[in-house]
């Protein structure tokens, strides 16, 4: 079992920045970790993910060039630096972990709200 604790959400004006953090504890044998976001009335979608072993990253087209995902291995922590935020970036951001041996993200944080005002 992996426990994920997110922090860093909040309210920001369009064009501003926020940094989200997610720390994993427990059985932290992870293949990858990622950030998903869910806007009201929409399905949860991946924003970015990072492979734990080699740091390889993936970004959704909507956030490329504005968001940066990174990891801090010694602290089992990932970050999502979000710059030039837009109102359409608003939603609940969830940290997720794909454990070694799993084919999908199987551990989730409780979510943190990001609201971008225009």
C-alpha atoms as a PDB file:
ATOM      1  CA  UNK A   1       0.000   0.000   0.000  1.00  0.00           C
ATOM      2  CA  UNK A   2       1.254   3.445  -0.928  1.00  0.00           C
ATOM      3  CA  UNK A   3      -0.058   6.605   0.672  1.00  0.00           C
ATOM      4  CA  UNK A   4       0.111   9.796  -1.346  1.00  0.00           C
ATOM      5  CA  UNK A   5      -0.096  13.238   0.224  1.00  0.00           C
ATOM      6  CA  UNK A   6      -0.555  16.252  -2.025  1.00  0.00           C
ATOM      7  CA  UNK A   7      -0.089  19.912  -1.262  1.00  0.00           C
ATOM      8  CA  UNK A   8       0.267  23.225  -3.052  1.00  0.00           C
ATOM      9  CA  UNK A   9      -3.086  23.927  -4.657  1.00  0.00           C
ATOM     10  CA  UNK A  10      -4.848  27.256  -4.383  1.00  0.00           C
ATOM     11  CA  UNK A  11      -6.258  30.268  -6.174  1.00  0.00           C
ATOM     12  CA  UNK A  12      -4.154  32.180  -8.681  1.00  0.00           C
ATOM     13  CA  UNK A  13      -4.759  34.693 -11.442  1.00  0.00           C
ATOM     14  CA  UNK A  14      -4.321  33.768 -15.069  1.00  0.00           C
ATOM     15  CA  UNK A  15      -0.657  33.950 -16.005  1.00  0.00           C
ATOM     16  CA  UNK A  16       0.447  33.052 -12.512  1.00  0.00           C
ATOM     17  CA  UNK A  17       2.249  30.002 -11.174  1.00  0.00           C
ATOM     18  CA  UNK A  18       1.723  27.266  -8.625  1.00  0.00           C
ATOM     19  CA  UNK A  19       3.782  24.290  -7.528  1.00  0.00           C
ATOM     20  CA  UNK A  20       2.167  21.067  -6.425  1.00  0.00           C
ATOM     21  CA  UNK A  21       3.943  18.480  -4.307  1.00  0.00           C
ATOM     22  CA  UNK A  22       3.162  14.828  -3.673  1.00  0.00           C
ATOM     23  CA  UNK A  23       4.993  12.647  -1.173  1.00  0.00           C
ATOM     24  CA  UNK A  24       4.651   8.884  -1.177  1.00  0.00           C
ATOM     25  CA  UNK A  25       4.987   6.709   1.914  1.00  0.00           C
ATOM     26  CA  UNK A  26       4.563   3.021   2.575  1.00  0.00           C
ATOM     27  CA  UNK A  27       5.480   0.422  -0.039  1.00  0.00           C
ATOM     28  CA  UNK A  28       7.113   2.869  -2.420  1.00  0.00           C
ATOM     29  CA  UNK A  29       8.216   0.510  -5.197  1.00  0.00           C
ATOM     30  CA  UNK A  30       7.008   2.673  -8.005  1.00  0.00           C
ATOM     31  CA  UNK A  31       7.257   2.378 -11.753  1.00  0.00           C
ATOM     32  CA  UNK A  32       5.848   5.823 -12.385  1.00  0.00           C
ATOM     33  CA  UNK A  33       4.021   8.694 -10.742  1.00  0.00           C
ATOM     34  CA  UNK A  34       1.821  11.274 -12.323  1.00  0.00           C
ATOM     35  CA  UNK A  35      -0.545  14.171 -11.970  1.00  0.00           C
ATOM     36  CA  UNK A  36      -4.098  13.920 -13.216  1.00  0.00           C
ATOM     37  CA  UNK A  37      -6.643  16.694 -13.234  1.00  0.00           C
ATOM     38  CA  UNK A  38     -10.404  16.715 -13.250  1.00  0.00           C
ATOM     39  CA  UNK A  39     -12.516  19.721 -14.133  1.00  0.00           C
ATOM     40  CA  UNK A  40     -16.171  19.892 -13.019  1.00  0.00           C
ATOM     41  CA  UNK A  41     -18.328  17.657 -15.169  1.00  0.00           C
ATOM     42  CA  UNK A  42     -15.362  16.143 -16.961  1.00  0.00           C
ATOM     43  CA  UNK A  43     -13.446  12.912 -16.654  1.00  0.00           C
ATOM     44  CA  UNK A  44     -10.080  12.704 -14.950  1.00  0.00           C
ATOM     45  CA  UNK A  45      -7.216  13.148 -17.429  1.00  0.00           C
ATOM     46  CA  UNK A  46      -3.497  12.853 -17.152  1.00  0.00           C
ATOM     47  CA  UNK A  47      -1.524  16.093 -17.161  1.00  0.00           C
ATOM     48  CA  UNK A  48       1.996  14.753 -16.698  1.00  0.00           C
ATOM     49  CA  UNK A  49       3.846  11.691 -15.525  1.00  0.00           C
ATOM     50  CA  UNK A  50       7.396  10.672 -14.719  1.00  0.00           C
ATOM     51  CA  UNK A  51       9.036   7.261 -14.710  1.00  0.00           C
ATOM     52  CA  UNK A  52      10.756   6.671 -11.424  1.00  0.00           C
ATOM     53  CA  UNK A  53      13.812   4.775 -12.689  1.00  0.00           C
ATOM     54  CA  UNK A  54      15.014   7.070 -15.448  1.00  0.00           C
ATOM     55  CA  UNK A  55      13.056  10.294 -15.058  1.00  0.00           C
ATOM     56  CA  UNK A  56      11.425  10.014 -18.464  1.00  0.00           C
ATOM     57  CA  UNK A  57       8.492  12.427 -18.655  1.00  0.00           C
ATOM     58  CA  UNK A  58       5.238  12.717 -20.546  1.00  0.00           C
ATOM     59  CA  UNK A  59       2.990  15.758 -20.857  1.00  0.00           C
ATOM     60  CA  UNK A  60      -0.497  16.229 -22.208  1.00  0.00           C
ATOM     61  CA  UNK A  61      -0.518  18.580 -25.189  1.00  0.00           C
ATOM     62  CA  UNK A  62      -2.540  21.111 -23.228  1.00  0.00           C
ATOM     63  CA  UNK A  63       0.231  21.651 -20.670  1.00  0.00           C
ATOM     64  CA  UNK A  64       3.405  21.220 -22.746  1.00  0.00           C
ATOM     65  CA  UNK A  65       5.776  24.125 -22.366  1.00  0.00           C
ATOM     66  CA  UNK A  66       3.981  25.419 -19.254  1.00  0.00           C
ATOM     67  CA  UNK A  67       4.109  22.548 -16.736  1.00  0.00           C
ATOM     68  CA  UNK A  68       7.182  20.687 -15.509  1.00  0.00           C
ATOM     69  CA  UNK A  69       7.079  17.442 -13.545  1.00  0.00           C
ATOM     70  CA  UNK A  70      10.096  16.447 -11.498  1.00  0.00           C
ATOM     71  CA  UNK A  71      11.037  13.972  -8.798  1.00  0.00           C
ATOM     72  CA  UNK A  72      13.150  13.893  -5.676  1.00  0.00           C
ATOM     73  CA  UNK A  73      14.049  10.249  -5.189  1.00  0.00           C
ATOM     74  CA  UNK A  74      15.417  10.472  -1.663  1.00  0.00           C
ATOM     75  CA  UNK A  75      12.162  11.983  -0.420  1.00  0.00           C
ATOM     76  CA  UNK A  76       9.800   9.916  -2.637  1.00  0.00           C
ATOM     77  CA  UNK A  77       8.336  13.197  -3.785  1.00  0.00           C
ATOM     78  CA  UNK A  78       7.197  14.538  -7.118  1.00  0.00           C
ATOM     79  CA  UNK A  79       6.456  18.108  -8.042  1.00  0.00           C
ATOM     80  CA  UNK A  80       4.395  19.797 -10.706  1.00  0.00           C
ATOM     81  CA  UNK A  81       5.555  23.312 -11.503  1.00  0.00           C
ATOM     82  CA  UNK A  82       2.724  25.068 -13.304  1.00  0.00           C
ATOM     83  CA  UNK A  83       3.505  28.329 -15.076  1.00  0.00           C
ATOM     84  CA  UNK A  84       1.422  30.662 -17.241  1.00  0.00           C
ATOM     85  CA  UNK A  85      -1.733  29.164 -15.790  1.00  0.00           C
ATOM     86  CA  UNK A  86      -4.989  29.513 -17.680  1.00  0.00           C
ATOM     87  CA  UNK A  87      -8.583  29.355 -16.422  1.00  0.00           C
ATOM     88  CA  UNK A  88      -8.988  26.033 -18.230  1.00  0.00           C
ATOM     89  CA  UNK A  89      -6.279  24.585 -15.967  1.00  0.00           C
ATOM     90  CA  UNK A  90      -8.696  24.820 -13.044  1.00  0.00           C
ATOM     91  CA  UNK A  91      -9.792  21.598 -11.405  1.00  0.00           C
ATOM     92  CA  UNK A  92      -8.849  19.037  -8.811  1.00  0.00           C
ATOM     93  CA  UNK A  93      -5.341  17.720  -9.279  1.00  0.00           C
ATOM     94  CA  UNK A  94      -4.674  14.175  -8.160  1.00  0.00           C
ATOM     95  CA  UNK A  95      -1.328  12.561  -7.555  1.00  0.00           C
ATOM     96  CA  UNK A  96      -1.171   8.937  -8.684  1.00  0.00           C
ATOM     97  CA  UNK A  97       1.316   6.112  -8.480  1.00  0.00           C
ATOM     98  CA  UNK A  98       1.810   3.098 -10.690  1.00  0.00           C
ATOM     99  CA  UNK A  99       3.589   0.494  -8.618  1.00  0.00           C
ATOM    100  CA  UNK A 100       6.153  -1.907 -10.039  1.00  0.00           C
ATOM    101  CA  UNK A 101       4.285  -4.890 -11.467  1.00  0.00           C
ATOM    102  CA  UNK A 102       1.068  -2.959 -12.029  1.00  0.00           C
ATOM    103  CA  UNK A 103      -0.214  -2.042 -15.473  1.00  0.00           C
ATOM    104  CA  UNK A 104      -2.117   1.019 -14.313  1.00  0.00           C
ATOM    105  CA  UNK A 105      -2.097   3.760 -11.733  1.00  0.00           C
ATOM    106  CA  UNK A 106      -3.391   2.004  -8.652  1.00  0.00           C
ATOM    107  CA  UNK A 107      -2.748   4.430  -5.827  1.00  0.00           C
ATOM    108  CA  UNK A 108      -4.300   7.883  -5.592  1.00  0.00           C
ATOM    109  CA  UNK A 109      -4.050  10.935  -3.405  1.00  0.00           C
ATOM    110  CA  UNK A 110      -7.050  12.812  -2.109  1.00  0.00           C
ATOM    111  CA  UNK A 111      -6.668  15.655  -4.600  1.00  0.00           C
ATOM    112  CA  UNK A 112      -5.886  19.336  -4.317  1.00  0.00           C
ATOM    113  CA  UNK A 113      -7.945  22.156  -5.815  1.00  0.00           C
ATOM    114  CA  UNK A 114      -6.412  24.549  -8.335  1.00  0.00           C
ATOM    115  CA  UNK A 115      -8.477  27.549  -9.372  1.00  0.00           C
ATOM    116  CA  UNK A 116      -7.271  29.998 -11.996  1.00  0.00           C
ATOM    117  CA  UNK A 117      -9.225  33.227 -12.259  1.00  0.00           C
ATOM    118  CA  UNK A 118      -9.414  35.218 -15.467  1.00  0.00           C
END
